[in-house]
Amino acid sequence: MQKLLLVLFTFCHCLCSELDETVIKMDAEIANAITDPEFHSDGSFRKKILRLELALGEIAERLKEGDEDGRKAVNSIVKNGGLLLSKLDTVNETLVMNKFMWSEDKYHELMFNIKQICATW
C-alpha cells in the first residue's frame, strides 16, 4: 500500500510538468501532511488531495482514450519514480484515510484505480 501511495504522490509531481501547472505540486508539504496529523489541519491539504484525485481521473481517461498527454504523464512517472520513498515508509493507512476524510471503500477504490493505471506501464 505504501508503494501505491508513492505512485500517487509521484503522479502529482509529474502532472505539474506534463499537464496543468495548477494541478497539485509534489513537495515536502505533502509528505509532512501525511506523516504529521497536525499539519494542514485547516483543510487545505484536503483541497489539494481533491485536486489530485481529479488529475488522476483525467490521466486515467486520457490513457483509456489513447491520448498522448496521458501517456507522456505516465512515462514521466516511470522515469522519475522513487520520489520521497524514505518519507513514505512511515505512512499509516488509517491516518491517510482520516486525513483525507475518505471511507475505507473510497480509499481502496482510489488505490485500485492507481494500480490499474500502473498496469498500463
C-alpha atoms as a PDB file:
ATOM      1  CA  MET A   1       0.000   0.000   0.000  1.00  0.00           C
ATOM      2  CA  GLN A   2       2.899   2.353   0.730  1.00  0.00           C
ATOM      3  CA  LYS A   3       4.253   1.876  -2.779  1.00  0.00           C
ATOM      4  CA  LEU A   4       0.839   2.765  -4.194  1.00  0.00           C
ATOM      5  CA  LEU A   5       0.874   5.954  -2.139  1.00  0.00           C
ATOM      6  CA  LEU A   6       4.305   6.672  -3.553  1.00  0.00           C
ATOM      7  CA  VAL A   7       2.824   6.339  -7.035  1.00  0.00           C
ATOM      8  CA  LEU A   8       0.008   8.700  -6.039  1.00  0.00           C
ATOM      9  CA  PHE A   9       2.439  11.412  -4.982  1.00  0.00           C
ATOM     10  CA  THR A  10       4.737  10.788  -7.914  1.00  0.00           C
ATOM     11  CA  PHE A  11       1.737  11.289 -10.204  1.00  0.00           C
ATOM     12  CA  CYS A  12       1.293  14.624  -8.515  1.00  0.00           C
ATOM     13  CA  HIS A  13       4.888  15.610  -9.247  1.00  0.00           C
ATOM     14  CA  CYS A  14       4.715  14.589 -12.892  1.00  0.00           C
ATOM     15  CA  LEU A  15       1.390  16.270 -13.550  1.00  0.00           C
ATOM     16  CA  CYS A  16       2.981  19.615 -12.821  1.00  0.00           C
ATOM     17  CA  SER A  17       5.362  19.264 -15.745  1.00  0.00           C
ATOM     18  CA  GLU A  18       3.217  17.195 -18.119  1.00  0.00           C
ATOM     19  CA  LEU A  19      -0.262  18.669 -17.657  1.00  0.00           C
ATOM     20  CA  ASP A  20      -1.593  21.811 -15.992  1.00  0.00           C
ATOM     21  CA  GLU A  21       0.801  23.586 -13.602  1.00  0.00           C
ATOM     22  CA  THR A  22      -2.188  24.473 -11.408  1.00  0.00           C
ATOM     23  CA  VAL A  23      -2.800  20.829 -10.505  1.00  0.00           C
ATOM     24  CA  ILE A  24      -1.043  19.864  -7.248  1.00  0.00           C
ATOM     25  CA  LYS A  25       2.717  20.101  -6.732  1.00  0.00           C
ATOM     26  CA  MET A  26       4.770  17.337  -5.199  1.00  0.00           C
ATOM     27  CA  ASP A  27       6.750  18.782  -2.347  1.00  0.00           C
ATOM     28  CA  ALA A  28       7.730  18.234   1.263  1.00  0.00           C
ATOM     29  CA  GLU A  29       4.391  19.736   2.341  1.00  0.00           C
ATOM     30  CA  ILE A  30       2.508  16.645   1.175  1.00  0.00           C
ATOM     31  CA  ALA A  31       4.857  14.166   2.820  1.00  0.00           C
ATOM     32  CA  ASN A  32       4.643  16.193   6.039  1.00  0.00           C
ATOM     33  CA  ALA A  33       0.861  16.293   5.899  1.00  0.00           C
ATOM     34  CA  ILE A  34       0.695  12.526   5.704  1.00  0.00           C
ATOM     35  CA  THR A  35       3.172  11.791   8.464  1.00  0.00           C
ATOM     36  CA  ASP A  36       2.124  14.627  10.804  1.00  0.00           C
ATOM     37  CA  PRO A  37      -1.564  14.611  11.843  1.00  0.00           C
ATOM     38  CA  GLU A  38      -1.402  18.268  12.949  1.00  0.00           C
ATOM     39  CA  PHE A  39      -0.072  19.533   9.619  1.00  0.00           C
ATOM     40  CA  HIS A  40      -2.662  21.354   7.471  1.00  0.00           C
ATOM     41  CA  SER A  41      -5.453  20.936   9.998  1.00  0.00           C
ATOM     42  CA  ASP A  42      -7.209  23.891   8.303  1.00  0.00           C
ATOM     43  CA  GLY A  43      -8.397  21.684   5.420  1.00  0.00           C
ATOM     44  CA  SER A  44      -6.018  22.965   2.733  1.00  0.00           C
ATOM     45  CA  PHE A  45      -4.464  19.502   2.454  1.00  0.00           C
ATOM     46  CA  ARG A  46      -7.929  18.065   1.752  1.00  0.00           C
ATOM     47  CA  LYS A  47      -8.358  20.535  -1.129  1.00  0.00           C
ATOM     48  CA  LYS A  48      -5.003  19.501  -2.590  1.00  0.00           C
ATOM     49  CA  ILE A  49      -5.984  15.841  -2.423  1.00  0.00           C
ATOM     50  CA  LEU A  50      -9.298  16.530  -4.168  1.00  0.00           C
ATOM     51  CA  ARG A  51      -7.422  18.309  -6.949  1.00  0.00           C
ATOM     52  CA  LEU A  52      -5.059  15.355  -7.185  1.00  0.00           C
ATOM     53  CA  GLU A  53      -7.984  12.933  -7.459  1.00  0.00           C
ATOM     54  CA  LEU A  54      -9.366  14.968 -10.361  1.00  0.00           C
ATOM     55  CA  ALA A  55      -5.959  14.960 -12.050  1.00  0.00           C
ATOM     56  CA  LEU A  56      -5.633  11.180 -11.648  1.00  0.00           C
ATOM     57  CA  GLY A  57      -9.104  10.773 -13.129  1.00  0.00           C
ATOM     58  CA  GLU A  58      -8.061  12.900 -16.084  1.00  0.00           C
ATOM     59  CA  ILE A  59      -4.946  10.788 -16.661  1.00  0.00           C
ATOM     60  CA  ALA A  60      -6.987   7.584 -16.422  1.00  0.00           C
ATOM     61  CA  GLU A  61      -9.449   8.873 -19.035  1.00  0.00           C
ATOM     62  CA  ARG A  62      -6.662  10.007 -21.351  1.00  0.00           C
ATOM     63  CA  LEU A  63      -4.982   6.613 -21.105  1.00  0.00           C
ATOM     64  CA  LYS A  64      -8.255   4.835 -21.939  1.00  0.00           C
ATOM     65  CA  GLU A  65      -8.677   7.056 -24.987  1.00  0.00           C
ATOM     66  CA  GLY A  66      -5.037   6.627 -26.028  1.00  0.00           C
ATOM     67  CA  ASP A  67      -4.361  10.339 -25.522  1.00  0.00           C
ATOM     68  CA  GLU A  68      -0.696  11.223 -25.952  1.00  0.00           C
ATOM     69  CA  ASP A  69      -0.623  13.650 -22.990  1.00  0.00           C
ATOM     70  CA  GLY A  70      -1.816  10.891 -20.658  1.00  0.00           C
ATOM     71  CA  ARG A  71       0.864   8.550 -21.942  1.00  0.00           C
ATOM     72  CA  LYS A  72       3.552  11.223 -21.542  1.00  0.00           C
ATOM     73  CA  ALA A  73       2.493  11.772 -17.935  1.00  0.00           C
ATOM     74  CA  VAL A  74       2.750   8.054 -17.175  1.00  0.00           C
ATOM     75  CA  ASN A  75       6.108   7.772 -18.962  1.00  0.00           C
ATOM     76  CA  SER A  76       7.391  10.707 -16.930  1.00  0.00           C
ATOM     77  CA  ILE A  77       6.342   8.915 -13.741  1.00  0.00           C
ATOM     78  CA  VAL A  78       8.302   5.832 -14.802  1.00  0.00           C
ATOM     79  CA  LYS A  79      11.416   7.943 -15.442  1.00  0.00           C
ATOM     80  CA  ASN A  80      11.112   9.901 -12.187  1.00  0.00           C
ATOM     81  CA  GLY A  81       9.959   7.105  -9.869  1.00  0.00           C
ATOM     82  CA  GLY A  82      11.112   6.648  -6.299  1.00  0.00           C
ATOM     83  CA  LEU A  83      10.335  10.147  -5.056  1.00  0.00           C
ATOM     84  CA  LEU A  84      10.336  10.538  -1.265  1.00  0.00           C
ATOM     85  CA  LEU A  85      10.263   6.794  -0.612  1.00  0.00           C
ATOM     86  CA  SER A  86      12.105   7.264   2.689  1.00  0.00           C
ATOM     87  CA  LYS A  87       9.421   9.645   3.972  1.00  0.00           C
ATOM     88  CA  LEU A  88       6.615   7.352   2.852  1.00  0.00           C
ATOM     89  CA  ASP A  89       7.980   4.366   4.794  1.00  0.00           C
ATOM     90  CA  THR A  90       6.047   5.558   7.844  1.00  0.00           C
ATOM     91  CA  VAL A  91       2.662   6.047   6.140  1.00  0.00           C
ATOM     92  CA  ASN A  92      -0.233   4.633   8.120  1.00  0.00           C
ATOM     93  CA  GLU A  93      -3.379   3.733   6.145  1.00  0.00           C
ATOM     94  CA  THR A  94      -5.733   4.777   8.949  1.00  0.00           C
ATOM     95  CA  LEU A  95      -4.048   8.164   9.253  1.00  0.00           C
ATOM     96  CA  VAL A  96      -4.269   8.643   5.493  1.00  0.00           C
ATOM     97  CA  MET A  97      -7.977   7.759   5.411  1.00  0.00           C
ATOM     98  CA  ASN A  98      -8.696  10.088   8.331  1.00  0.00           C
ATOM     99  CA  LYS A  99      -6.624  12.911   6.873  1.00  0.00           C
ATOM    100  CA  PHE A 100      -8.363  12.673   3.500  1.00  0.00           C
ATOM    101  CA  MET A 101     -11.761  12.167   5.200  1.00  0.00           C
ATOM    102  CA  TRP A 102     -12.311   9.111   2.991  1.00  0.00           C
ATOM    103  CA  SER A 103     -14.238   5.978   3.770  1.00  0.00           C
ATOM    104  CA  GLU A 104     -12.232   2.767   3.581  1.00  0.00           C
ATOM    105  CA  ASP A 105     -14.069   1.888   0.352  1.00  0.00           C
ATOM    106  CA  LYS A 106     -13.190   5.247  -1.232  1.00  0.00           C
ATOM    107  CA  TYR A 107      -9.553   4.867  -0.226  1.00  0.00           C
ATOM    108  CA  HIS A 108      -9.280   1.357  -1.660  1.00  0.00           C
ATOM    109  CA  GLU A 109     -11.113   2.430  -4.823  1.00  0.00           C
ATOM    110  CA  LEU A 110      -8.557   5.171  -5.441  1.00  0.00           C
ATOM    111  CA  MET A 111      -5.667   2.802  -4.734  1.00  0.00           C
ATOM    112  CA  PHE A 112      -7.196   0.244  -7.129  1.00  0.00           C
ATOM    113  CA  ASN A 113      -7.526   2.897  -9.839  1.00  0.00           C
ATOM    114  CA  ILE A 114      -3.886   3.881  -9.412  1.00  0.00           C
ATOM    115  CA  LYS A 115      -2.861   0.218  -9.625  1.00  0.00           C
ATOM    116  CA  GLN A 116      -4.852  -0.135 -12.867  1.00  0.00           C
ATOM    117  CA  ILE A 117      -3.103   2.902 -14.345  1.00  0.00           C
ATOM    118  CA  CYS A 118       0.278   1.478 -13.346  1.00  0.00           C
ATOM    119  CA  ALA A 119      -0.598  -1.811 -15.049  1.00  0.00           C
ATOM    120  CA  THR A 120      -0.574   0.066 -18.372  1.00  0.00           C
ATOM    121  CA  TRP A 121       3.117   0.941 -17.920  1.00  0.00           C
END
